[in-house]
Amino acid sequence: MPYVLERSTVVRVPPDQVFDYLCELRAHMEWGDMIEMDVLDEGPVKVGTRWRSRGRASGLNMRDQCEIVTLDRPSRFAFRSFSQSQLGSGSVILSYTMEPVAEGTRVTFRRDQFGETTGLSRIMLALPGFQAFLLPLMDRLMTARIIDRGLDNLRRRLEERAA
């Protein structure tokens, strides 16, 4: 069974404002871990819009090639990311789901591993028990903090804009 990581936060703005902000691709640099971004398809954001980015996470230099795979205003924004780092490469689907709640919007981030991996990443994922035990532990110790920081930055930016 593929490994999934989910994290969420509540933002005090309506779902359509969260969705619209996620569609401002260059704004991802305001709240994410990207150092640079190059949008490859200008014009309105749509399924198929592509970009490249570079960033740093958990001590790794990341290079990503991304493409939007789902736009369902105001409830879902998702993209496929092919990432390369010192550990190798791999593909994931990263999605944001917006759900109205009394306080505003519950934003849930989800990462689905889905593609071939190379290098050390491939070896690690092939180890018995890695996906069941070690990957969730690594996510709790490292990745979840990075995602939580990004979601917190996203929440603050949206709430600042609304104020």
Protein backbone atom coordinates (compact mmCIF):
# COMPACT_ATOMS: atom_id res chain seq x y z
CA MET A 1 0.00 0.00 0.00
CA PRO A 2 1.43 3.42 -0.94
CA TYR A 3 2.55 5.64 1.91
CA VAL A 4 0.60 8.86 2.52
CA LEU A 5 1.43 11.83 4.77
CA GLU A 6 -1.33 14.25 5.83
CA ARG A 7 -1.21 17.42 7.93
CA SER A 8 -3.82 20.13 8.42
CA THR A 9 -4.46 23.56 9.87
CA VAL A 10 -7.43 25.89 10.23
CA VAL A 11 -7.31 29.27 8.49
CA ARG A 12 -9.70 32.09 9.40
CA VAL A 13 -10.69 32.84 5.79
CA PRO A 14 -13.22 31.20 3.43
CA PRO A 15 -12.19 28.25 1.22
CA ASP A 16 -12.30 30.26 -2.01
CA GLN A 17 -9.66 32.68 -0.66
CA VAL A 18 -7.37 29.77 0.25
CA PHE A 19 -7.88 28.20 -3.18
CA ASP A 20 -7.25 31.46 -5.03
CA TYR A 21 -4.04 32.07 -3.06
CA LEU A 22 -2.79 28.54 -3.85
CA CYS A 23 -3.41 29.31 -7.53
CA GLU A 24 -1.01 32.27 -7.26
CA LEU A 25 1.93 30.00 -7.98
CA ARG A 26 4.66 32.57 -7.38
CA ALA A 27 3.09 33.28 -3.95
CA HIS A 28 4.17 29.76 -2.91
CA MET A 29 7.63 31.29 -2.40
CA GLU A 30 6.13 33.53 0.33
CA TRP A 31 5.16 30.60 2.53
CA GLY A 32 6.97 27.48 1.23
CA ASP A 33 10.59 26.35 1.20
CA MET A 34 11.31 27.42 -2.38
CA ILE A 35 14.31 29.59 -3.14
CA GLU A 36 13.45 30.15 -6.79
CA MET A 37 10.60 29.32 -9.12
CA ASP A 38 10.12 29.45 -12.86
CA VAL A 39 6.52 29.20 -14.10
CA LEU A 40 6.68 27.55 -17.52
CA ASP A 41 3.10 28.22 -18.64
CA GLU A 42 1.93 31.82 -18.38
CA GLY A 43 -1.69 32.85 -18.27
CA PRO A 44 -4.49 31.62 -16.03
CA VAL A 45 -3.60 28.63 -13.88
CA LYS A 46 -5.24 25.44 -15.16
CA VAL A 47 -4.79 21.68 -15.09
CA GLY A 48 -1.52 21.13 -16.93
CA THR A 49 0.16 24.37 -15.79
CA ARG A 50 3.84 23.58 -15.12
CA TRP A 51 6.68 25.11 -13.13
CA ARG A 52 10.18 24.33 -11.89
CA SER A 53 11.44 25.20 -8.45
CA ARG A 54 14.50 24.93 -6.30
CA GLY A 55 14.55 24.80 -2.53
CA ARG A 56 16.12 23.30 0.55
CA ALA A 57 14.46 20.90 3.00
CA SER A 58 15.92 18.72 5.76
CA GLY A 59 19.41 19.64 4.62
CA LEU A 60 18.74 18.51 1.05
CA ASN A 61 18.94 20.67 -2.07
CA MET A 62 15.70 19.99 -3.93
CA ARG A 63 14.91 20.56 -7.61
CA ASP A 64 11.32 19.98 -8.61
CA GLN A 65 9.38 19.85 -11.85
CA CYS A 66 5.68 20.28 -11.14
CA GLU A 67 2.38 20.13 -13.00
CA ILE A 68 -1.12 20.86 -11.75
CA VAL A 69 -3.29 17.74 -11.91
CA THR A 70 -6.46 18.89 -10.07
CA LEU A 71 -8.19 22.25 -9.75
CA ASP A 72 -11.61 22.03 -8.12
CA ARG A 73 -12.50 25.49 -6.84
CA PRO A 74 -12.81 26.03 -3.93
CA SER A 75 -12.12 22.59 -2.49
CA ARG A 76 -9.00 21.02 -4.04
CA PHE A 77 -5.64 22.05 -5.55
CA ALA A 78 -3.18 19.26 -6.45
CA PHE A 79 0.02 18.89 -8.40
CA ARG A 80 2.48 16.18 -9.40
CA SER A 81 6.07 16.84 -8.43
CA PHE A 82 9.13 15.05 -9.76
CA SER A 83 11.86 15.85 -7.22
CA GLN A 84 15.61 15.40 -7.35
CA SER A 85 18.01 15.69 -4.40
CA GLN A 86 21.29 14.24 -3.20
CA LEU A 87 19.34 11.08 -2.25
CA GLY A 88 18.00 10.50 -5.77
CA SER A 89 14.67 11.28 -7.37
CA GLY A 90 11.03 10.39 -6.99
CA SER A 91 7.49 11.44 -7.82
CA VAL A 92 4.73 12.52 -5.48
CA ILE A 93 1.27 14.04 -5.70
CA LEU A 94 0.92 17.02 -3.36
CA SER A 95 -2.61 18.18 -2.67
CA TYR A 96 -4.43 20.78 -0.61
CA THR A 97 -8.05 20.17 0.33
CA MET A 98 -10.15 23.03 1.67
CA GLU A 99 -13.12 22.21 3.91
CA PRO A 100 -15.39 24.86 5.43
CA VAL A 101 -15.46 24.79 9.25
CA ALA A 102 -16.97 27.17 11.80
CA GLU A 103 -13.64 29.04 12.21
CA GLY A 104 -13.03 29.39 8.46
CA THR A 105 -11.33 26.64 6.42
CA ARG A 106 -9.58 23.42 7.34
CA VAL A 107 -6.67 23.09 4.91
CA THR A 108 -5.34 19.55 4.63
CA PHE A 109 -2.04 18.91 2.91
CA ARG A 110 -1.50 15.39 1.58
CA ARG A 111 1.58 13.80 0.03
CA ASP A 112 1.11 10.58 -1.92
CA GLN A 113 4.20 8.65 -3.06
CA PHE A 114 3.37 7.35 -6.50
CA GLY A 115 6.28 7.12 -8.90
CA GLU A 116 9.56 5.42 -9.49
CA THR A 117 12.43 6.45 -7.29
CA THR A 118 16.15 6.37 -8.04
CA GLY A 119 19.36 6.40 -6.05
CA LEU A 120 19.40 6.03 -2.28
CA SER A 121 15.67 6.84 -2.14
CA ARG A 122 14.93 3.71 -4.17
CA ILE A 123 17.11 1.53 -1.95
CA MET A 124 15.52 2.92 1.22
CA LEU A 125 11.95 2.41 -0.05
CA ALA A 126 12.81 -1.21 -1.01
CA LEU A 127 14.04 -2.12 2.49
CA PRO A 128 11.65 -4.42 4.38
CA GLY A 129 9.63 -2.35 6.84
CA PHE A 130 10.91 1.01 5.61
CA GLN A 131 7.51 2.29 4.43
CA ALA A 132 5.66 0.76 7.38
CA PHE A 133 7.99 1.90 10.17
CA LEU A 134 10.99 4.02 9.23
CA LEU A 135 9.35 6.41 6.74
CA PRO A 136 6.56 7.38 9.17
CA LEU A 137 9.18 7.90 11.89
CA MET A 138 11.30 10.08 9.59
CA ASP A 139 8.17 12.01 8.62
CA ARG A 140 7.27 12.63 12.28
CA LEU A 141 10.80 13.77 13.13
CA MET A 142 11.59 15.86 10.03
CA THR A 143 9.09 16.17 7.21
CA ALA A 144 6.03 16.89 9.35
CA ARG A 145 7.81 19.87 10.93
CA ILE A 146 8.61 21.29 7.48
CA ILE A 147 5.02 20.82 6.31
CA ASP A 148 3.61 22.24 9.56
CA ARG A 149 5.85 25.30 9.16
CA GLY A 150 4.63 25.75 5.56
CA LEU A 151 0.98 25.38 6.61
CA ASP A 152 1.53 27.85 9.45
CA ASN A 153 3.15 30.32 7.02
CA LEU A 154 0.23 29.81 4.60
CA ARG A 155 -2.27 30.44 7.41
CA ARG A 156 -0.48 33.62 8.55
CA ARG A 157 -0.20 35.03 5.01
CA LEU A 158 -3.87 34.40 4.29
CA GLU A 159 -5.02 35.89 7.57
CA GLU A 160 -2.75 38.93 7.10
CA ARG A 161 -4.23 39.48 3.64
CA ALA A 162 -7.75 39.26 5.03
CA ALA A 163 -7.10 41.70 7.90
